[in-house]
């Protein structure tokens, strides 16, 4: 049996950490991931996305033989980097996308694998994601499972806009959700490949929500498995408020809607969302955040250009299909002052 076949038959999971100029993050987080990952079921891979710092030297000097290393000649972005890594890692049944600023807790891989094996209709899942600096609180990027509202604003069990709840066990039951976080995403590899993986046009941000939307359109569900837990630093690549991050979030949300909404509703929802984005622009201008406001303008300009890349659209409308996507999270949060998921009506 060759090495690739042995890896596949022995270990159902390949967990991939995508790194870009993150030597300091690797030094802080990789030892914890290695210590809490079971090598009997999970193959750990670090895919370096064209780093020019000391990342590769650190990996080769300290982790050769314990972690497999892939090296790309350029930064392919979050989406492109993971797509290439999953192709090069071979035929493992499950792939896990792990952020480089994330620490896993003991048993995380067993809990996710057990859930996926016992739920064949689930296409992807995530663990409970807590704050690395304050592990009593949910972390922004995924918390305990994600939803989109009727205007396609993302929110989570445990996080509404910028408000993250304390974890008191209130969301410790597994649940079907609209999207799972790309910070720690387990997906069926064959399904991932069949759907084309993450959309490289997104480069970064919202690409996992787009993927999960396509997984649901393909007839599979998305789940959160709180028996598995991880702790995420967040902002390891771009901090909140960075104009580049603002640009990608606004542009990619519009692209995601354009791709995944049917003809019957797409134009109306996009018009409403663009009007809401105009209000966000006005708020930034009023607050003196001119770089953020300019990023929103660029996002809308580039959306109009890039939407031509997507000529086909689904017939099925998932917005409004469940309670999560029928509500307005803007109204619930800003008008009714709801700050916890359990308060939403």
C-alpha atoms as a PDB file:
ATOM      1  CA  UNK A   1       0.000   0.000   0.000  1.00  0.00           C
ATOM      2  CA  UNK A   2       1.419   3.417  -0.915  1.00  0.00           C
ATOM      3  CA  UNK A   3       1.636   6.251   1.605  1.00  0.00           C
ATOM      4  CA  UNK A   4      -1.396   8.140   0.289  1.00  0.00           C
ATOM      5  CA  UNK A   5      -3.660   5.077   0.444  1.00  0.00           C
ATOM      6  CA  UNK A   6      -2.395   4.207   3.921  1.00  0.00           C
ATOM      7  CA  UNK A   7      -3.149   7.746   5.133  1.00  0.00           C
ATOM      8  CA  UNK A   8      -6.688   7.523   3.784  1.00  0.00           C
ATOM      9  CA  UNK A   9      -7.529   4.078   5.120  1.00  0.00           C
ATOM     10  CA  UNK A  10      -6.111   4.757   8.582  1.00  0.00           C
ATOM     11  CA  UNK A  11      -7.274   8.302   9.177  1.00  0.00           C
ATOM     12  CA  UNK A  12     -10.707   9.539   8.067  1.00  0.00           C
ATOM     13  CA  UNK A  13      -9.951  13.212   8.792  1.00  0.00           C
ATOM     14  CA  UNK A  14      -7.448  15.629   7.337  1.00  0.00           C
ATOM     15  CA  UNK A  15      -7.298  18.867   9.347  1.00  0.00           C
ATOM     16  CA  UNK A  16      -5.712  21.723   7.423  1.00  0.00           C
ATOM     17  CA  UNK A  17      -4.306  24.893   8.965  1.00  0.00           C
ATOM     18  CA  UNK A  18      -3.849  27.623   6.377  1.00  0.00           C
ATOM     19  CA  UNK A  19      -0.975  29.948   7.243  1.00  0.00           C
ATOM     20  CA  UNK A  20       0.121  33.271   5.795  1.00  0.00           C
ATOM     21  CA  UNK A  21       2.982  35.110   7.519  1.00  0.00           C
ATOM     22  CA  UNK A  22       1.756  33.677  10.806  1.00  0.00           C
ATOM     23  CA  UNK A  23       4.925  32.393  12.463  1.00  0.00           C
ATOM     24  CA  UNK A  24       3.920  33.941  15.799  1.00  0.00           C
ATOM     25  CA  UNK A  25       0.463  32.360  15.583  1.00  0.00           C
ATOM     26  CA  UNK A  26       1.951  28.957  14.742  1.00  0.00           C
ATOM     27  CA  UNK A  27       4.266  29.196  17.737  1.00  0.00           C
ATOM     28  CA  UNK A  28       1.360  30.011  20.044  1.00  0.00           C
ATOM     29  CA  UNK A  29      -1.387  27.737  18.716  1.00  0.00           C
ATOM     30  CA  UNK A  30       0.092  24.772  16.861  1.00  0.00           C
ATOM     31  CA  UNK A  31       1.451  22.983  19.984  1.00  0.00           C
ATOM     32  CA  UNK A  32      -2.059  22.978  21.499  1.00  0.00           C
ATOM     33  CA  UNK A  33      -3.641  21.689  18.286  1.00  0.00           C
ATOM     34  CA  UNK A  34      -1.093  18.872  18.025  1.00  0.00           C
ATOM     35  CA  UNK A  35      -1.531  17.960  21.703  1.00  0.00           C
ATOM     36  CA  UNK A  36      -5.342  17.707  21.493  1.00  0.00           C
ATOM     37  CA  UNK A  37      -5.683  16.055  18.066  1.00  0.00           C
ATOM     38  CA  UNK A  38      -5.794  12.259  17.890  1.00  0.00           C
ATOM     39  CA  UNK A  39      -3.251  11.123  15.261  1.00  0.00           C
ATOM     40  CA  UNK A  40      -5.088   7.809  14.992  1.00  0.00           C
ATOM     41  CA  UNK A  41      -8.029   9.488  13.230  1.00  0.00           C
ATOM     42  CA  UNK A  42      -6.730  12.899  12.123  1.00  0.00           C
ATOM     43  CA  UNK A  43      -3.877  13.888   9.844  1.00  0.00           C
ATOM     44  CA  UNK A  44      -2.652  17.417  10.557  1.00  0.00           C
ATOM     45  CA  UNK A  45      -1.456  19.539   7.646  1.00  0.00           C
ATOM     46  CA  UNK A  46      -0.182  23.117   7.601  1.00  0.00           C
ATOM     47  CA  UNK A  47      -0.613  24.722   4.171  1.00  0.00           C
ATOM     48  CA  UNK A  48       1.594  27.777   3.820  1.00  0.00           C
ATOM     49  CA  UNK A  49       0.011  30.417   1.605  1.00  0.00           C
ATOM     50  CA  UNK A  50       3.130  32.068   0.165  1.00  0.00           C
ATOM     51  CA  UNK A  51       4.554  33.365   3.465  1.00  0.00           C
ATOM     52  CA  UNK A  52       7.746  35.416   3.415  1.00  0.00           C
ATOM     53  CA  UNK A  53       8.346  35.388   7.180  1.00  0.00           C
ATOM     54  CA  UNK A  54       9.915  32.532   9.144  1.00  0.00           C
ATOM     55  CA  UNK A  55       6.855  30.271   9.087  1.00  0.00           C
ATOM     56  CA  UNK A  56       8.278  27.498   6.917  1.00  0.00           C
ATOM     57  CA  UNK A  57      11.590  27.456   8.758  1.00  0.00           C
ATOM     58  CA  UNK A  58       9.776  27.186  12.095  1.00  0.00           C
ATOM     59  CA  UNK A  59       7.602  24.329  10.824  1.00  0.00           C
ATOM     60  CA  UNK A  60      10.497  22.353   9.370  1.00  0.00           C
ATOM     61  CA  UNK A  61      12.711  22.853  12.416  1.00  0.00           C
ATOM     62  CA  UNK A  62      10.062  21.940  14.985  1.00  0.00           C
ATOM     63  CA  UNK A  63       7.255  19.885  13.460  1.00  0.00           C
ATOM     64  CA  UNK A  64       8.725  17.776  10.660  1.00  0.00           C
ATOM     65  CA  UNK A  65       7.293  14.275  11.014  1.00  0.00           C
ATOM     66  CA  UNK A  66       4.446  15.367  13.304  1.00  0.00           C
ATOM     67  CA  UNK A  67       2.685  17.753  10.926  1.00  0.00           C
ATOM     68  CA  UNK A  68       2.619  17.525   7.140  1.00  0.00           C
ATOM     69  CA  UNK A  69       3.658  20.723   5.362  1.00  0.00           C
ATOM     70  CA  UNK A  70       2.400  22.103   2.054  1.00  0.00           C
ATOM     71  CA  UNK A  71       4.050  25.191   0.581  1.00  0.00           C
ATOM     72  CA  UNK A  72       2.411  27.421  -2.041  1.00  0.00           C
ATOM     73  CA  UNK A  73       4.423  29.975  -4.000  1.00  0.00           C
ATOM     74  CA  UNK A  74       1.857  32.768  -3.583  1.00  0.00           C
ATOM     75  CA  UNK A  75      -1.007  33.858  -1.364  1.00  0.00           C
ATOM     76  CA  UNK A  76      -4.068  32.206  -2.891  1.00  0.00           C
ATOM     77  CA  UNK A  77      -6.424  33.703  -0.317  1.00  0.00           C
ATOM     78  CA  UNK A  78      -8.500  31.806   2.219  1.00  0.00           C
ATOM     79  CA  UNK A  79     -10.705  30.176  -0.420  1.00  0.00           C
ATOM     80  CA  UNK A  80      -8.051  29.392  -3.009  1.00  0.00           C
ATOM     81  CA  UNK A  81      -5.560  28.181  -0.408  1.00  0.00           C
ATOM     82  CA  UNK A  82      -7.968  25.702   1.142  1.00  0.00           C
ATOM     83  CA  UNK A  83      -9.218  24.503  -2.234  1.00  0.00           C
ATOM     84  CA  UNK A  84      -5.707  23.657  -3.356  1.00  0.00           C
ATOM     85  CA  UNK A  85      -4.754  22.100  -0.024  1.00  0.00           C
ATOM     86  CA  UNK A  86      -7.799  19.814   0.032  1.00  0.00           C
ATOM     87  CA  UNK A  87      -7.007  18.610  -3.482  1.00  0.00           C
ATOM     88  CA  UNK A  88      -3.361  17.910  -2.595  1.00  0.00           C
ATOM     89  CA  UNK A  89      -4.183  16.139   0.675  1.00  0.00           C
ATOM     90  CA  UNK A  90      -5.822  13.147  -0.950  1.00  0.00           C
ATOM     91  CA  UNK A  91      -8.963  11.132  -0.457  1.00  0.00           C
ATOM     92  CA  UNK A  92      -9.774  11.475   3.261  1.00  0.00           C
ATOM     93  CA  UNK A  93     -13.546  11.250   3.788  1.00  0.00           C
ATOM     94  CA  UNK A  94     -13.593  14.412   5.910  1.00  0.00           C
ATOM     95  CA  UNK A  95     -11.649  17.660   5.691  1.00  0.00           C
ATOM     96  CA  UNK A  96     -11.467  20.200   8.504  1.00  0.00           C
ATOM     97  CA  UNK A  97     -10.563  23.827   7.864  1.00  0.00           C
ATOM     98  CA  UNK A  98      -8.780  25.215  10.937  1.00  0.00           C
ATOM     99  CA  UNK A  99      -7.744  28.826  11.376  1.00  0.00           C
ATOM    100  CA  UNK A 100      -4.145  29.388  12.416  1.00  0.00           C
ATOM    101  CA  UNK A 101      -5.233  31.459  15.452  1.00  0.00           C
ATOM    102  CA  UNK A 102      -7.284  28.682  17.006  1.00  0.00           C
ATOM    103  CA  UNK A 103      -6.652  26.208  19.837  1.00  0.00           C
ATOM    104  CA  UNK A 104      -8.547  22.915  19.910  1.00  0.00           C
ATOM    105  CA  UNK A 105      -9.737  21.181  23.071  1.00  0.00           C
ATOM    106  CA  UNK A 106      -9.292  17.486  23.809  1.00  0.00           C
ATOM    107  CA  UNK A 107     -11.649  15.210  21.882  1.00  0.00           C
ATOM    108  CA  UNK A 108     -12.687  17.843  19.362  1.00  0.00           C
ATOM    109  CA  UNK A 109     -12.016  15.660  16.335  1.00  0.00           C
ATOM    110  CA  UNK A 110     -13.725  12.580  17.824  1.00  0.00           C
ATOM    111  CA  UNK A 111     -16.912  14.546  18.598  1.00  0.00           C
ATOM    112  CA  UNK A 112     -17.172  16.002  15.091  1.00  0.00           C
ATOM    113  CA  UNK A 113     -16.411  12.672  13.423  1.00  0.00           C
ATOM    114  CA  UNK A 114     -18.972  10.814  15.548  1.00  0.00           C
ATOM    115  CA  UNK A 115     -21.672  13.323  14.636  1.00  0.00           C
ATOM    116  CA  UNK A 116     -20.941  13.226  10.912  1.00  0.00           C
ATOM    117  CA  UNK A 117     -20.793   9.430  10.848  1.00  0.00           C
ATOM    118  CA  UNK A 118     -24.168   9.168  12.604  1.00  0.00           C
ATOM    119  CA  UNK A 119     -25.825  11.889  10.491  1.00  0.00           C
ATOM    120  CA  UNK A 120     -25.199  11.025   6.822  1.00  0.00           C
ATOM    121  CA  UNK A 121     -27.487  13.852   5.671  1.00  0.00           C
ATOM    122  CA  UNK A 122     -25.236  16.466   7.292  1.00  0.00           C
ATOM    123  CA  UNK A 123     -22.805  17.990   4.823  1.00  0.00           C
ATOM    124  CA  UNK A 124     -20.768  20.135   7.203  1.00  0.00           C
ATOM    125  CA  UNK A 125     -20.523  21.006  10.875  1.00  0.00           C
ATOM    126  CA  UNK A 126     -18.621  23.147  13.341  1.00  0.00           C
ATOM    127  CA  UNK A 127     -17.679  22.893  17.033  1.00  0.00           C
ATOM    128  CA  UNK A 128     -18.594  25.395  19.719  1.00  0.00           C
ATOM    129  CA  UNK A 129     -16.246  28.354  19.251  1.00  0.00           C
ATOM    130  CA  UNK A 130     -15.170  30.264  22.350  1.00  0.00           C
ATOM    131  CA  UNK A 131     -12.914  33.261  22.772  1.00  0.00           C
ATOM    132  CA  UNK A 132      -9.254  32.367  23.199  1.00  0.00           C
ATOM    133  CA  UNK A 133      -8.567  35.299  25.511  1.00  0.00           C
ATOM    134  CA  UNK A 134     -11.817  34.917  27.438  1.00  0.00           C
ATOM    135  CA  UNK A 135     -13.000  31.297  27.101  1.00  0.00           C
ATOM    136  CA  UNK A 136     -16.158  31.918  29.130  1.00  0.00           C
ATOM    137  CA  UNK A 137     -17.502  33.931  26.190  1.00  0.00           C
ATOM    138  CA  UNK A 138     -18.449  32.880  22.662  1.00  0.00           C
ATOM    139  CA  UNK A 139     -16.198  34.111  19.867  1.00  0.00           C
ATOM    140  CA  UNK A 140     -17.501  36.339  17.091  1.00  0.00           C
ATOM    141  CA  UNK A 141     -16.588  34.107  14.128  1.00  0.00           C
ATOM    142  CA  UNK A 142     -19.243  31.412  14.410  1.00  0.00           C
ATOM    143  CA  UNK A 143     -20.024  31.200  18.144  1.00  0.00           C
ATOM    144  CA  UNK A 144     -22.367  28.187  18.411  1.00  0.00           C
ATOM    145  CA  UNK A 145     -23.667  27.999  14.848  1.00  0.00           C
ATOM    146  CA  UNK A 146     -24.710  30.589  12.274  1.00  0.00           C
ATOM    147  CA  UNK A 147     -27.885  31.882  10.619  1.00  0.00           C
ATOM    148  CA  UNK A 148     -28.805  34.574   8.117  1.00  0.00           C
ATOM    149  CA  UNK A 149     -31.855  36.780   8.513  1.00  0.00           C
ATOM    150  CA  UNK A 150     -34.325  37.856   5.813  1.00  0.00           C
ATOM    151  CA  UNK A 151     -31.849  40.490   4.590  1.00  0.00           C
ATOM    152  CA  UNK A 152     -28.961  37.985   4.668  1.00  0.00           C
ATOM    153  CA  UNK A 153     -27.212  39.506   7.678  1.00  0.00           C
ATOM    154  CA  UNK A 154     -25.269  36.762   9.475  1.00  0.00           C
ATOM    155  CA  UNK A 155     -25.742  36.138  13.208  1.00  0.00           C
ATOM    156  CA  UNK A 156     -25.151  33.219  15.561  1.00  0.00           C
ATOM    157  CA  UNK A 157     -26.295  31.260  18.549  1.00  0.00           C
ATOM    158  CA  UNK A 158     -24.275  33.226  21.064  1.00  0.00           C
ATOM    159  CA  UNK A 159     -23.469  36.313  18.921  1.00  0.00           C
ATOM    160  CA  UNK A 160     -25.629  39.061  17.466  1.00  0.00           C
ATOM    161  CA  UNK A 161     -23.688  41.662  15.493  1.00  0.00           C
ATOM    162  CA  UNK A 162     -20.805  42.618  17.826  1.00  0.00           C
ATOM    163  CA  UNK A 163     -22.351  41.314  21.053  1.00  0.00           C
ATOM    164  CA  UNK A 164     -20.991  37.927  22.179  1.00  0.00           C
ATOM    165  CA  UNK A 165     -22.749  36.071  25.002  1.00  0.00           C
ATOM    166  CA  UNK A 166     -21.203  34.295  27.950  1.00  0.00           C
ATOM    167  CA  UNK A 167     -21.233  30.514  27.518  1.00  0.00           C
ATOM    168  CA  UNK A 168     -23.352  29.084  30.328  1.00  0.00           C
ATOM    169  CA  UNK A 169     -24.221  25.860  28.548  1.00  0.00           C
ATOM    170  CA  UNK A 170     -27.382  27.377  27.078  1.00  0.00           C
ATOM    171  CA  UNK A 171     -26.509  26.191  23.564  1.00  0.00           C
ATOM    172  CA  UNK A 172     -24.893  22.861  24.387  1.00  0.00           C
ATOM    173  CA  UNK A 173     -27.355  20.804  22.344  1.00  0.00           C
ATOM    174  CA  UNK A 174     -26.492  19.980  18.713  1.00  0.00           C
ATOM    175  CA  UNK A 175     -28.578  21.975  16.269  1.00  0.00           C
ATOM    176  CA  UNK A 176     -29.193  22.384  12.573  1.00  0.00           C
ATOM    177  CA  UNK A 177     -28.033  25.840  11.484  1.00  0.00           C
ATOM    178  CA  UNK A 178     -27.812  27.811   8.245  1.00  0.00           C
ATOM    179  CA  UNK A 179     -24.002  28.041   8.177  1.00  0.00           C
ATOM    180  CA  UNK A 180     -20.973  26.754  10.024  1.00  0.00           C
ATOM    181  CA  UNK A 181     -17.884  28.839  10.678  1.00  0.00           C
ATOM    182  CA  UNK A 182     -14.830  28.594   8.453  1.00  0.00           C
ATOM    183  CA  UNK A 183     -12.694  29.022  11.582  1.00  0.00           C
ATOM    184  CA  UNK A 184     -13.256  25.315  12.299  1.00  0.00           C
ATOM    185  CA  UNK A 185     -15.318  23.680   9.567  1.00  0.00           C
ATOM    186  CA  UNK A 186     -15.640  19.933   9.014  1.00  0.00           C
ATOM    187  CA  UNK A 187     -17.021  19.021   5.588  1.00  0.00           C
ATOM    188  CA  UNK A 188     -17.487  15.842   3.580  1.00  0.00           C
ATOM    189  CA  UNK A 189     -14.601  16.017   1.153  1.00  0.00           C
ATOM    190  CA  UNK A 190     -16.414  14.515  -1.869  1.00  0.00           C
ATOM    191  CA  UNK A 191     -19.295  16.944  -1.397  1.00  0.00           C
ATOM    192  CA  UNK A 192     -16.855  19.851  -1.065  1.00  0.00           C
ATOM    193  CA  UNK A 193     -15.188  18.868  -4.324  1.00  0.00           C
ATOM    194  CA  UNK A 194     -18.481  18.260  -6.149  1.00  0.00           C
ATOM    195  CA  UNK A 195     -19.666  21.778  -5.268  1.00  0.00           C
ATOM    196  CA  UNK A 196     -16.390  23.373  -6.329  1.00  0.00           C
ATOM    197  CA  UNK A 197     -15.216  24.134  -2.799  1.00  0.00           C
ATOM    198  CA  UNK A 198     -14.902  27.668  -1.503  1.00  0.00           C
ATOM    199  CA  UNK A 199     -15.424  30.371  -4.129  1.00  0.00           C
ATOM    200  CA  UNK A 200     -11.953  31.830  -4.898  1.00  0.00           C
ATOM    201  CA  UNK A 201     -13.577  35.034  -6.229  1.00  0.00           C
ATOM    202  CA  UNK A 202     -14.440  35.847  -2.611  1.00  0.00           C
ATOM    203  CA  UNK A 203     -10.738  35.658  -1.623  1.00  0.00           C
ATOM    204  CA  UNK A 204     -11.676  35.879   2.095  1.00  0.00           C
ATOM    205  CA  UNK A 205     -14.754  36.508   4.297  1.00  0.00           C
ATOM    206  CA  UNK A 206     -18.287  35.119   3.790  1.00  0.00           C
ATOM    207  CA  UNK A 207     -16.933  32.271   1.646  1.00  0.00           C
ATOM    208  CA  UNK A 208     -17.946  29.630   4.214  1.00  0.00           C
ATOM    209  CA  UNK A 209     -21.510  30.980   4.379  1.00  0.00           C
ATOM    210  CA  UNK A 210     -21.679  30.805   0.590  1.00  0.00           C
ATOM    211  CA  UNK A 211     -20.391  27.210   0.687  1.00  0.00           C
ATOM    212  CA  UNK A 212     -22.883  26.200   3.369  1.00  0.00           C
ATOM    213  CA  UNK A 213     -25.707  27.786   1.378  1.00  0.00           C
ATOM    214  CA  UNK A 214     -24.701  25.665  -1.625  1.00  0.00           C
ATOM    215  CA  UNK A 215     -24.457  22.561   0.578  1.00  0.00           C
ATOM    216  CA  UNK A 216     -28.025  23.157   1.757  1.00  0.00           C
ATOM    217  CA  UNK A 217     -29.220  23.730  -1.814  1.00  0.00           C
ATOM    218  CA  UNK A 218     -27.668  20.343  -2.643  1.00  0.00           C
ATOM    219  CA  UNK A 219     -29.982  18.706  -0.081  1.00  0.00           C
ATOM    220  CA  UNK A 220     -27.675  18.418   2.933  1.00  0.00           C
ATOM    221  CA  UNK A 221     -27.966  20.043   6.337  1.00  0.00           C
ATOM    222  CA  UNK A 222     -25.439  22.051   8.368  1.00  0.00           C
ATOM    223  CA  UNK A 223     -24.927  21.448  12.084  1.00  0.00           C
ATOM    224  CA  UNK A 224     -23.170  22.711  15.182  1.00  0.00           C
ATOM    225  CA  UNK A 225     -21.751  20.084  17.553  1.00  0.00           C
ATOM    226  CA  UNK A 226     -21.111  21.710  20.949  1.00  0.00           C
ATOM    227  CA  UNK A 227     -19.582  18.515  22.371  1.00  0.00           C
ATOM    228  CA  UNK A 228     -16.528  19.632  20.380  1.00  0.00           C
ATOM    229  CA  UNK A 229     -15.046  22.959  21.432  1.00  0.00           C
ATOM    230  CA  UNK A 230     -12.265  25.238  20.224  1.00  0.00           C
ATOM    231  CA  UNK A 231     -10.945  28.634  21.308  1.00  0.00           C
ATOM    232  CA  UNK A 232     -10.425  31.265  18.619  1.00  0.00           C
ATOM    233  CA  UNK A 233      -8.367  34.438  18.860  1.00  0.00           C
ATOM    234  CA  UNK A 234     -10.050  36.138  15.898  1.00  0.00           C
ATOM    235  CA  UNK A 235      -8.705  38.942  13.753  1.00  0.00           C
ATOM    236  CA  UNK A 236      -5.507  37.023  13.080  1.00  0.00           C
ATOM    237  CA  UNK A 237      -5.367  38.270   9.472  1.00  0.00           C
ATOM    238  CA  UNK A 238      -7.446  41.474   9.494  1.00  0.00           C
ATOM    239  CA  UNK A 239      -8.788  43.157  12.608  1.00  0.00           C
ATOM    240  CA  UNK A 240     -12.374  44.390  12.881  1.00  0.00           C
ATOM    241  CA  UNK A 241     -12.851  47.782  11.253  1.00  0.00           C
ATOM    242  CA  UNK A 242      -9.977  47.349   8.816  1.00  0.00           C
ATOM    243  CA  UNK A 243     -11.122  48.928   5.507  1.00  0.00           C
ATOM    244  CA  UNK A 244     -10.023  45.829   3.588  1.00  0.00           C
ATOM    245  CA  UNK A 245     -12.199  43.667   5.843  1.00  0.00           C
ATOM    246  CA  UNK A 246     -15.128  46.070   5.488  1.00  0.00           C
ATOM    247  CA  UNK A 247     -14.761  45.924   1.705  1.00  0.00           C
ATOM    248  CA  UNK A 248     -14.642  42.118   1.549  1.00  0.00           C
ATOM    249  CA  UNK A 249     -17.589  41.641   3.917  1.00  0.00           C
ATOM    250  CA  UNK A 250     -19.873  44.048   2.045  1.00  0.00           C
ATOM    251  CA  UNK A 251     -18.844  42.903  -1.442  1.00  0.00           C
ATOM    252  CA  UNK A 252     -18.983  39.190  -0.650  1.00  0.00           C
ATOM    253  CA  UNK A 253     -22.347  39.393   1.070  1.00  0.00           C
ATOM    254  CA  UNK A 254     -23.828  40.878  -2.102  1.00  0.00           C
ATOM    255  CA  UNK A 255     -22.109  38.254  -4.265  1.00  0.00           C
ATOM    256  CA  UNK A 256     -23.380  35.481  -1.998  1.00  0.00           C
ATOM    257  CA  UNK A 257     -26.947  36.741  -2.305  1.00  0.00           C
ATOM    258  CA  UNK A 258     -26.687  37.156  -6.073  1.00  0.00           C
ATOM    259  CA  UNK A 259     -25.340  33.603  -6.500  1.00  0.00           C
ATOM    260  CA  UNK A 260     -27.721  31.736  -4.237  1.00  0.00           C
ATOM    261  CA  UNK A 261     -31.093  33.492  -4.486  1.00  0.00           C
ATOM    262  CA  UNK A 262     -33.616  32.443  -7.162  1.00  0.00           C
ATOM    263  CA  UNK A 263     -34.870  34.820  -9.840  1.00  0.00           C
ATOM    264  CA  UNK A 264     -38.208  35.199  -8.045  1.00  0.00           C
ATOM    265  CA  UNK A 265     -36.720  37.028  -5.083  1.00  0.00           C
ATOM    266  CA  UNK A 266     -33.147  38.020  -5.923  1.00  0.00           C
ATOM    267  CA  UNK A 267     -33.757  41.503  -7.348  1.00  0.00           C
ATOM    268  CA  UNK A 268     -36.033  42.606  -4.509  1.00  0.00           C
ATOM    269  CA  UNK A 269     -33.761  41.365  -1.737  1.00  0.00           C
ATOM    270  CA  UNK A 270     -30.642  42.831  -3.329  1.00  0.00           C
ATOM    271  CA  UNK A 271     -32.317  46.213  -3.720  1.00  0.00           C
ATOM    272  CA  UNK A 272     -33.349  46.233  -0.071  1.00  0.00           C
ATOM    273  CA  UNK A 273     -29.906  45.124   1.058  1.00  0.00           C
ATOM    274  CA  UNK A 274     -28.178  47.810  -1.017  1.00  0.00           C
ATOM    275  CA  UNK A 275     -30.421  50.455   0.556  1.00  0.00           C
ATOM    276  CA  UNK A 276     -29.473  49.147   4.006  1.00  0.00           C
ATOM    277  CA  UNK A 277     -25.812  49.296   3.003  1.00  0.00           C
ATOM    278  CA  UNK A 278     -26.354  52.949   2.052  1.00  0.00           C
ATOM    279  CA  UNK A 279     -27.501  53.559   5.635  1.00  0.00           C
ATOM    280  CA  UNK A 280     -24.345  51.830   6.897  1.00  0.00           C
ATOM    281  CA  UNK A 281     -22.303  54.124   4.634  1.00  0.00           C
ATOM    282  CA  UNK A 282     -24.075  57.207   6.019  1.00  0.00           C
ATOM    283  CA  UNK A 283     -23.428  56.054   9.593  1.00  0.00           C
ATOM    284  CA  UNK A 284     -19.710  55.658   8.844  1.00  0.00           C
ATOM    285  CA  UNK A 285     -19.539  59.117   7.290  1.00  0.00           C
ATOM    286  CA  UNK A 286     -21.344  60.633  10.275  1.00  0.00           C
ATOM    287  CA  UNK A 287     -18.898  58.893  12.599  1.00  0.00           C
ATOM    288  CA  UNK A 288     -15.854  60.120  10.680  1.00  0.00           C
ATOM    289  CA  UNK A 289     -14.878  56.675   9.355  1.00  0.00           C
ATOM    290  CA  UNK A 290     -14.220  57.865   5.819  1.00  0.00           C
ATOM    291  CA  UNK A 291     -12.002  54.909   4.921  1.00  0.00           C
ATOM    292  CA  UNK A 292     -14.741  52.487   5.920  1.00  0.00           C
ATOM    293  CA  UNK A 293     -17.318  54.464   3.952  1.00  0.00           C
ATOM    294  CA  UNK A 294     -15.074  54.416   0.886  1.00  0.00           C
ATOM    295  CA  UNK A 295     -14.682  50.661   1.283  1.00  0.00           C
ATOM    296  CA  UNK A 296     -18.463  50.226   1.076  1.00  0.00           C
ATOM    297  CA  UNK A 297     -18.565  52.267  -2.140  1.00  0.00           C
ATOM    298  CA  UNK A 298     -15.802  50.115  -3.653  1.00  0.00           C
ATOM    299  CA  UNK A 299     -17.616  46.965  -2.543  1.00  0.00           C
ATOM    300  CA  UNK A 300     -20.808  47.954  -4.374  1.00  0.00           C
ATOM    301  CA  UNK A 301     -18.897  49.059  -7.467  1.00  0.00           C
ATOM    302  CA  UNK A 302     -17.013  45.766  -7.678  1.00  0.00           C
ATOM    303  CA  UNK A 303     -20.148  43.741  -6.963  1.00  0.00           C
ATOM    304  CA  UNK A 304     -21.801  45.254 -10.043  1.00  0.00           C
ATOM    305  CA  UNK A 305     -18.795  44.206 -12.102  1.00  0.00           C
ATOM    306  CA  UNK A 306     -18.331  40.727 -10.590  1.00  0.00           C
ATOM    307  CA  UNK A 307     -21.974  39.619 -10.589  1.00  0.00           C
ATOM    308  CA  UNK A 308     -21.588  38.831 -14.293  1.00  0.00           C
ATOM    309  CA  UNK A 309     -19.384  35.900 -13.272  1.00  0.00           C
ATOM    310  CA  UNK A 310     -22.470  34.048 -11.984  1.00  0.00           C
ATOM    311  CA  UNK A 311     -24.894  33.277 -14.788  1.00  0.00           C
ATOM    312  CA  UNK A 312     -26.884  30.434 -13.193  1.00  0.00           C
ATOM    313  CA  UNK A 313     -29.058  30.635 -10.108  1.00  0.00           C
ATOM    314  CA  UNK A 314     -30.975  28.061  -8.061  1.00  0.00           C
ATOM    315  CA  UNK A 315     -34.715  27.567  -8.236  1.00  0.00           C
ATOM    316  CA  UNK A 316     -35.061  26.988  -4.493  1.00  0.00           C
ATOM    317  CA  UNK A 317     -35.350  29.879  -2.064  1.00  0.00           C
ATOM    318  CA  UNK A 318     -33.845  29.145   1.353  1.00  0.00           C
ATOM    319  CA  UNK A 319     -34.542  32.608   2.765  1.00  0.00           C
ATOM    320  CA  UNK A 320     -37.714  32.356   4.797  1.00  0.00           C
ATOM    321  CA  UNK A 321     -37.598  28.564   4.879  1.00  0.00           C
ATOM    322  CA  UNK A 322     -36.954  28.545   8.634  1.00  0.00           C
ATOM    323  CA  UNK A 323     -37.525  30.876  11.581  1.00  0.00           C
ATOM    324  CA  UNK A 324     -33.942  32.101  11.500  1.00  0.00           C
ATOM    325  CA  UNK A 325     -34.212  33.538   7.996  1.00  0.00           C
ATOM    326  CA  UNK A 326     -37.718  34.964   8.460  1.00  0.00           C
ATOM    327  CA  UNK A 327     -36.744  37.401  11.196  1.00  0.00           C
ATOM    328  CA  UNK A 328     -35.033  40.773  10.814  1.00  0.00           C
ATOM    329  CA  UNK A 329     -31.976  40.765  13.023  1.00  0.00           C
ATOM    330  CA  UNK A 330     -31.652  44.532  12.508  1.00  0.00           C
ATOM    331  CA  UNK A 331     -35.105  45.073  14.015  1.00  0.00           C
ATOM    332  CA  UNK A 332     -34.548  42.562  16.796  1.00  0.00           C
ATOM    333  CA  UNK A 333     -31.192  44.018  17.835  1.00  0.00           C
ATOM    334  CA  UNK A 334     -31.417  47.746  17.227  1.00  0.00           C
ATOM    335  CA  UNK A 335     -35.160  48.389  17.751  1.00  0.00           C
ATOM    336  CA  UNK A 336     -36.051  45.725  20.317  1.00  0.00           C
ATOM    337  CA  UNK A 337     -32.600  45.723  21.983  1.00  0.00           C
ATOM    338  CA  UNK A 338     -32.185  41.954  21.771  1.00  0.00           C
ATOM    339  CA  UNK A 339     -28.586  40.998  22.540  1.00  0.00           C
ATOM    340  CA  UNK A 340     -28.922  37.249  23.130  1.00  0.00           C
ATOM    341  CA  UNK A 341     -30.003  34.596  20.656  1.00  0.00           C
ATOM    342  CA  UNK A 342     -32.420  33.108  23.192  1.00  0.00           C
ATOM    343  CA  UNK A 343     -34.279  36.454  23.319  1.00  0.00           C
ATOM    344  CA  UNK A 344     -35.086  36.536  19.624  1.00  0.00           C
ATOM    345  CA  UNK A 345     -38.734  36.262  18.628  1.00  0.00           C
END
